[in-house]
Protein backbone atom coordinates (compact mmCIF):
# COMPACT_ATOMS: atom_id res chain seq x y z
CA UNK A 1 76.24 103.07 113.42
CA UNK A 2 78.57 101.74 111.80
CA UNK A 3 82.14 99.94 113.40
CA UNK A 4 84.88 102.11 113.26
CA UNK A 5 88.56 100.71 112.72
CA UNK A 6 91.27 102.23 114.97
CA UNK A 7 94.64 103.36 112.78
CA UNK A 8 97.04 102.37 115.75
CA UNK A 9 100.28 103.98 116.64
CA UNK A 10 103.66 102.47 115.88
CA UNK A 11 105.41 101.56 119.12
CA UNK A 12 108.09 104.49 118.05
CA UNK A 13 107.30 107.73 117.08
CA UNK A 14 107.57 108.75 113.25
CA UNK A 15 110.91 110.68 114.29
CA UNK A 16 112.15 107.52 116.29
CA UNK A 17 110.97 105.49 113.22
CA UNK A 18 113.63 107.03 111.02
CA UNK A 19 116.45 105.74 112.92
CA UNK A 20 115.03 102.71 114.40
CA UNK A 21 114.44 101.09 111.21
CA UNK A 22 116.90 102.72 108.93
CA UNK A 23 118.60 99.49 107.89
CA UNK A 24 115.76 97.80 107.19
CA UNK A 25 113.97 100.48 104.91
CA UNK A 26 114.48 103.48 103.27
CA UNK A 27 114.29 106.64 105.57
CA UNK A 28 111.20 108.24 102.89
CA UNK A 29 109.50 104.69 103.35
CA UNK A 30 109.14 104.58 107.16
CA UNK A 31 107.01 107.54 106.88
CA UNK A 32 104.87 106.97 103.62
CA UNK A 33 104.39 103.34 104.26
CA UNK A 34 102.66 103.83 107.47
CA UNK A 35 100.82 107.54 107.28
CA UNK A 36 99.47 107.28 104.14
CA UNK A 37 99.67 103.29 102.59
CA UNK A 38 98.65 101.69 105.93
CA UNK A 39 96.03 104.16 107.12
CA UNK A 40 94.46 103.90 103.71
CA UNK A 41 93.57 100.57 104.44
CA UNK A 42 92.64 101.28 107.88
CA UNK A 43 90.67 104.62 106.09
CA UNK A 44 89.09 101.95 103.20
CA UNK A 45 87.99 99.54 106.18
CA UNK A 46 85.84 103.10 107.65
CA UNK A 47 84.80 103.97 104.27
CA UNK A 48 83.26 100.11 103.53
CA UNK A 49 81.42 99.51 106.68
CA UNK A 50 79.94 102.87 106.24
CA UNK A 51 78.49 101.55 102.75
CA UNK A 52 77.84 97.97 103.79
CA UNK A 53 75.37 99.91 106.37
CA UNK A 54 73.61 100.73 103.52
CA UNK A 55 73.90 97.64 100.98
CA UNK A 56 70.61 96.54 99.29
CA UNK A 57 71.77 92.45 100.65
CA UNK A 58 68.88 90.91 98.71
CA UNK A 59 70.99 91.63 95.03
CA UNK A 60 73.67 89.26 96.21
CA UNK A 61 75.08 87.39 94.03
CA UNK A 62 77.99 85.02 92.83
CA UNK A 63 79.14 87.11 89.87
CA UNK A 64 78.83 90.99 90.83
CA UNK A 65 76.93 92.78 93.27
CA UNK A 66 77.79 95.50 95.69
CA UNK A 67 77.16 93.81 98.68
CA UNK A 68 79.64 91.03 97.33
CA UNK A 69 82.27 93.69 96.41
CA UNK A 70 82.49 95.36 99.27
CA UNK A 71 82.80 92.00 101.37
CA UNK A 72 85.86 91.31 99.31
CA UNK A 73 87.36 94.15 99.62
CA UNK A 74 86.53 94.01 103.47
CA UNK A 75 89.15 91.34 103.74
CA UNK A 76 91.59 92.67 101.98
CA UNK A 77 91.06 95.87 103.84
CA UNK A 78 90.96 94.17 107.32
CA UNK A 79 93.93 92.03 106.35
CA UNK A 80 96.15 94.49 105.60
CA UNK A 81 95.71 96.65 108.26
CA UNK A 82 96.31 93.77 110.96
CA UNK A 83 99.07 92.53 108.80
CA UNK A 84 101.01 96.43 108.84
CA UNK A 85 100.56 96.84 112.66
CA UNK A 86 102.36 93.37 113.94
CA UNK A 87 104.53 94.66 111.39
CA UNK A 88 105.36 98.08 113.16
CA UNK A 89 104.93 96.36 115.95
CA UNK A 90 107.69 93.44 115.75
CA UNK A 91 110.53 95.87 114.22
CA UNK A 92 112.43 98.25 115.80
CA UNK A 93 115.19 96.45 118.16
CA UNK A 94 118.82 94.34 118.30
CA UNK A 95 117.64 91.38 116.74
CA UNK A 96 118.57 89.73 119.93
CA UNK A 97 116.15 86.20 119.89
CA UNK A 98 117.69 85.78 123.68
CA UNK A 99 115.03 88.85 124.41
CA UNK A 100 112.39 85.98 124.00
CA UNK A 101 113.33 82.91 126.40
CA UNK A 102 110.11 81.32 125.74
CA UNK A 103 109.42 82.01 122.07
CA UNK A 104 113.23 80.94 121.62
CA UNK A 105 112.59 77.79 122.88
CA UNK A 106 109.47 77.10 120.93
CA UNK A 107 111.00 77.43 117.99
CA UNK A 108 114.00 75.93 118.80
CA UNK A 109 111.70 72.90 119.39
CA UNK A 110 109.85 73.07 116.27
CA UNK A 111 112.22 73.75 114.08
CA UNK A 112 115.60 72.59 115.43
CA UNK A 113 117.30 75.53 115.58
CA UNK A 114 116.58 78.96 115.72
CA UNK A 115 118.70 79.43 112.66
CA UNK A 116 116.88 76.86 110.98
CA UNK A 117 113.78 78.77 111.40
CA UNK A 118 115.12 81.82 109.99
CA UNK A 119 115.98 79.79 107.34
CA UNK A 120 112.53 78.42 106.94
CA UNK A 121 111.38 82.10 107.68
CA UNK A 122 113.50 83.68 104.94
CA UNK A 123 112.49 80.51 102.39
CA UNK A 124 108.54 81.31 102.92
CA UNK A 125 109.11 85.26 102.73
CA UNK A 126 110.88 85.16 99.14
CA UNK A 127 108.42 82.62 98.03
CA UNK A 128 105.61 85.15 98.04
CA UNK A 129 104.44 86.76 95.03
CA UNK A 130 105.75 90.47 94.24
CA UNK A 131 102.82 91.33 96.16
CA UNK A 132 102.58 89.48 100.15
CA UNK A 133 104.06 88.65 103.73
CA UNK A 134 106.26 86.42 105.08
CA UNK A 135 104.76 85.08 108.47
CA UNK A 136 105.47 83.26 111.61
CA UNK A 137 101.79 81.86 113.20
CA UNK A 138 100.56 79.77 115.72
CA UNK A 139 98.31 77.60 114.14
CA UNK A 140 95.60 77.57 117.08
CA UNK A 141 92.78 75.53 115.95
CA UNK A 142 94.40 72.85 114.11
CA UNK A 143 97.84 71.67 115.10
CA UNK A 144 98.72 74.12 118.25
CA UNK A 145 102.17 74.48 116.06
CA UNK A 146 104.60 77.57 115.38
CA UNK A 147 104.67 77.30 111.71
CA UNK A 148 105.93 79.97 108.72
CA UNK A 149 103.74 80.36 106.02
CA UNK A 150 103.50 82.73 103.00
CA UNK A 151 100.58 85.07 102.24
CA UNK A 152 99.73 86.13 98.72
CA UNK A 153 98.25 89.98 98.36
CA UNK A 154 97.28 89.95 102.11
CA UNK A 155 94.99 86.95 102.39
CA UNK A 156 95.33 84.61 100.18
CA UNK A 157 97.09 81.26 101.82
CA UNK A 158 96.27 82.69 105.06
CA UNK A 159 95.56 79.92 107.98
CA UNK A 160 92.73 79.69 109.84
CA UNK A 161 93.22 80.15 113.60
CA UNK A 162 96.94 81.69 112.61
CA UNK A 163 97.51 83.76 114.78
CA UNK A 164 100.51 86.19 113.55
CA UNK A 165 103.47 86.48 115.49
CA UNK A 166 105.65 88.13 112.92
CA UNK A 167 105.17 89.41 109.73
CA UNK A 168 107.68 90.54 106.96
CA UNK A 169 105.40 92.90 104.25
CA UNK A 170 106.91 91.38 101.15
CA UNK A 171 105.15 93.75 98.50
CA UNK A 172 107.75 95.55 96.29
CA UNK A 173 106.89 99.05 98.04
CA UNK A 174 108.28 98.05 101.20
CA UNK A 175 112.21 97.75 100.20
CA UNK A 176 112.68 99.19 96.77
CA UNK A 177 113.15 102.10 97.80
CA UNK A 178 116.27 101.11 99.37
CA UNK A 179 116.87 97.68 98.12
CA UNK A 180 115.41 97.82 94.90
CA UNK A 181 114.92 94.08 93.49
CA UNK A 182 117.13 92.42 96.94
CA UNK A 183 114.18 91.26 98.58
CA UNK A 184 116.52 88.27 100.43
CA UNK A 185 118.96 91.10 102.22
CA UNK A 186 115.56 93.44 103.03
CA UNK A 187 114.62 89.86 104.48
CA UNK A 188 118.19 89.34 106.17
CA UNK A 189 117.87 93.30 107.46
CA UNK A 190 114.26 92.97 109.05
CA UNK A 191 115.08 89.33 110.89
CA UNK A 192 118.47 91.81 112.71
CA UNK A 193 116.01 94.24 113.49
CA UNK A 194 113.37 92.04 115.31
CA UNK A 195 112.05 93.41 118.49
CA UNK A 196 112.38 90.37 120.43
CA UNK A 197 111.08 91.46 123.64
CA UNK A 198 107.76 92.58 121.90
CA UNK A 199 107.06 89.17 120.45
CA UNK A 200 108.11 86.92 123.43
CA UNK A 201 105.30 89.51 125.06
CA UNK A 202 102.67 88.63 121.91
CA UNK A 203 103.35 85.11 122.46
CA UNK A 204 102.55 85.39 125.92
CA UNK A 205 99.48 87.11 125.56
CA UNK A 206 98.02 85.18 122.85
CA UNK A 207 99.60 81.78 123.12
CA UNK A 208 100.76 81.08 126.20
CA UNK A 209 98.17 82.20 128.39
């Protein structure tokens, strides 16, 4: 039986999202970005799981095969589902970094100050392609450092063993309804509405074990 991937709930209702996120994205975006766009990644991930059960692995090759395309789109939809989960989880706060005392201390130690971290995070997110992400990750398997990275699409540039602590969707659909081409403004608003309590809990869960 094929594995069933779950469409995870946000830490707030759809109605609450319209109020909590109004300074970051348009009211319409809070709905369709989650209930249509994000949900679509999970739906296709489950469709791929079912098709993989019957795929002919003997026909795999480096040019084209059904199994190859399914595996390729699996990566795309898995990453899209996961990064959106993190995106919604870290939003909805007041941007008060003092609510993450452990992580804020670690960020200041790594980047020199919280302001320096924010500047570097924003630069990474602005630099992603028109379809990409800005991420704060913990490099668990290599350097054990906190790193700001950019990812084009959902997966190009991802770090193996990098645990995403903050993810900022910079695909154009995330911000054009509210800010048009103002990606930098959108990222500023994103940072101002981070829920540092949930981010601290994520850091404690996955890093400070």
